[in-house]
Amino acid sequence: KKLSAEGRVDALAMAQELFALGEGSTDKTPQ
């Protein structure tokens, strides 16, 4: 089940992008 690991990373990246967009993409500053 190596797909689960890659899928997790992909989902995380997507979540981060959506979060940045939701925050108004403020220079992508992590908190």
N, C-alpha and C. Protein backbone atom coordinates (compact mmCIF):
# COMPACT_ATOMS: atom_id res chain seq x y z
N LYS A 1 0.85 -1.22 0.00
CA LYS A 1 0.00 0.00 0.00
C LYS A 1 0.88 1.26 0.00
N LYS A 2 1.65 1.43 -1.04
CA LYS A 2 2.51 2.62 -1.13
C LYS A 2 1.70 3.82 -1.62
N LEU A 3 0.54 3.53 -2.21
CA LEU A 3 -0.30 4.61 -2.74
C LEU A 3 -0.83 5.49 -1.62
N SER A 4 -1.11 4.88 -0.48
CA SER A 4 -1.68 5.63 0.65
C SER A 4 -0.75 6.77 1.07
N ALA A 5 0.55 6.49 1.09
CA ALA A 5 1.53 7.50 1.50
C ALA A 5 1.50 8.67 0.52
N GLU A 6 1.58 8.36 -0.78
CA GLU A 6 1.56 9.42 -1.79
C GLU A 6 0.24 10.17 -1.77
N GLY A 7 -0.84 9.43 -1.60
CA GLY A 7 -2.17 10.06 -1.55
C GLY A 7 -2.26 11.02 -0.38
N ARG A 8 -1.66 10.62 0.73
CA ARG A 8 -1.69 11.47 1.93
C ARG A 8 -0.97 12.78 1.65
N VAL A 9 0.21 12.69 1.05
CA VAL A 9 0.99 13.90 0.73
C VAL A 9 0.21 14.79 -0.23
N ASP A 10 -0.41 14.16 -1.24
CA ASP A 10 -1.18 14.92 -2.22
C ASP A 10 -2.33 15.64 -1.54
N ALA A 11 -3.05 14.94 -0.69
CA ALA A 11 -4.19 15.53 0.02
C ALA A 11 -3.71 16.67 0.91
N LEU A 12 -2.58 16.48 1.55
CA LEU A 12 -2.04 17.52 2.44
C LEU A 12 -1.71 18.77 1.63
N ALA A 13 -1.06 18.58 0.49
CA ALA A 13 -0.69 19.72 -0.37
C ALA A 13 -1.95 20.45 -0.82
N MET A 14 -2.97 19.69 -1.21
CA MET A 14 -4.23 20.30 -1.65
C MET A 14 -4.88 21.06 -0.51
N ALA A 15 -4.88 20.48 0.67
CA ALA A 15 -5.48 21.13 1.84
C ALA A 15 -4.75 22.43 2.13
N GLN A 16 -3.42 22.40 2.05
CA GLN A 16 -2.64 23.61 2.32
C GLN A 16 -2.98 24.70 1.30
N GLU A 17 -3.11 24.30 0.02
CA GLU A 17 -3.44 25.27 -1.03
C GLU A 17 -4.82 25.86 -0.77
N LEU A 18 -5.79 25.01 -0.46
CA LEU A 18 -7.15 25.48 -0.20
C LEU A 18 -7.17 26.39 1.02
N PHE A 19 -6.39 26.03 2.04
CA PHE A 19 -6.32 26.84 3.26
C PHE A 19 -5.76 28.22 2.93
N ALA A 20 -4.68 28.25 2.12
CA ALA A 20 -4.05 29.51 1.73
C ALA A 20 -5.07 30.37 0.97
N LEU A 21 -5.82 29.74 0.07
CA LEU A 21 -6.81 30.48 -0.71
C LEU A 21 -7.91 31.01 0.21
N GLY A 22 -8.30 30.20 1.17
CA GLY A 22 -9.34 30.61 2.11
C GLY A 22 -8.88 31.77 2.97
N GLU A 23 -7.60 31.77 3.31
CA GLU A 23 -7.05 32.84 4.15
C GLU A 23 -6.81 34.11 3.34
N GLY A 24 -7.03 34.02 2.01
CA GLY A 24 -6.82 35.19 1.18
C GLY A 24 -5.38 35.19 0.67
N SER A 25 -4.75 34.01 0.73
CA SER A 25 -3.36 33.83 0.29
C SER A 25 -2.50 35.01 0.73
N THR A 26 -2.26 35.10 2.05
CA THR A 26 -1.45 36.18 2.61
C THR A 26 0.02 35.77 2.59
N ASP A 27 0.62 35.81 1.38
CA ASP A 27 2.03 35.45 1.22
C ASP A 27 2.33 34.04 1.73
N LYS A 28 1.30 33.21 1.84
CA LYS A 28 1.47 31.82 2.29
C LYS A 28 2.27 31.76 3.59
N THR A 29 1.88 32.50 4.58
CA THR A 29 2.60 32.50 5.86
C THR A 29 2.01 31.45 6.79
N PRO A 30 2.77 30.38 7.08
CA PRO A 30 2.30 29.32 7.98
C PRO A 30 2.26 29.78 9.43
N GLN A 31 1.26 29.33 10.16
CA GLN A 31 1.13 29.75 11.57
C GLN A 31 1.05 28.51 12.45
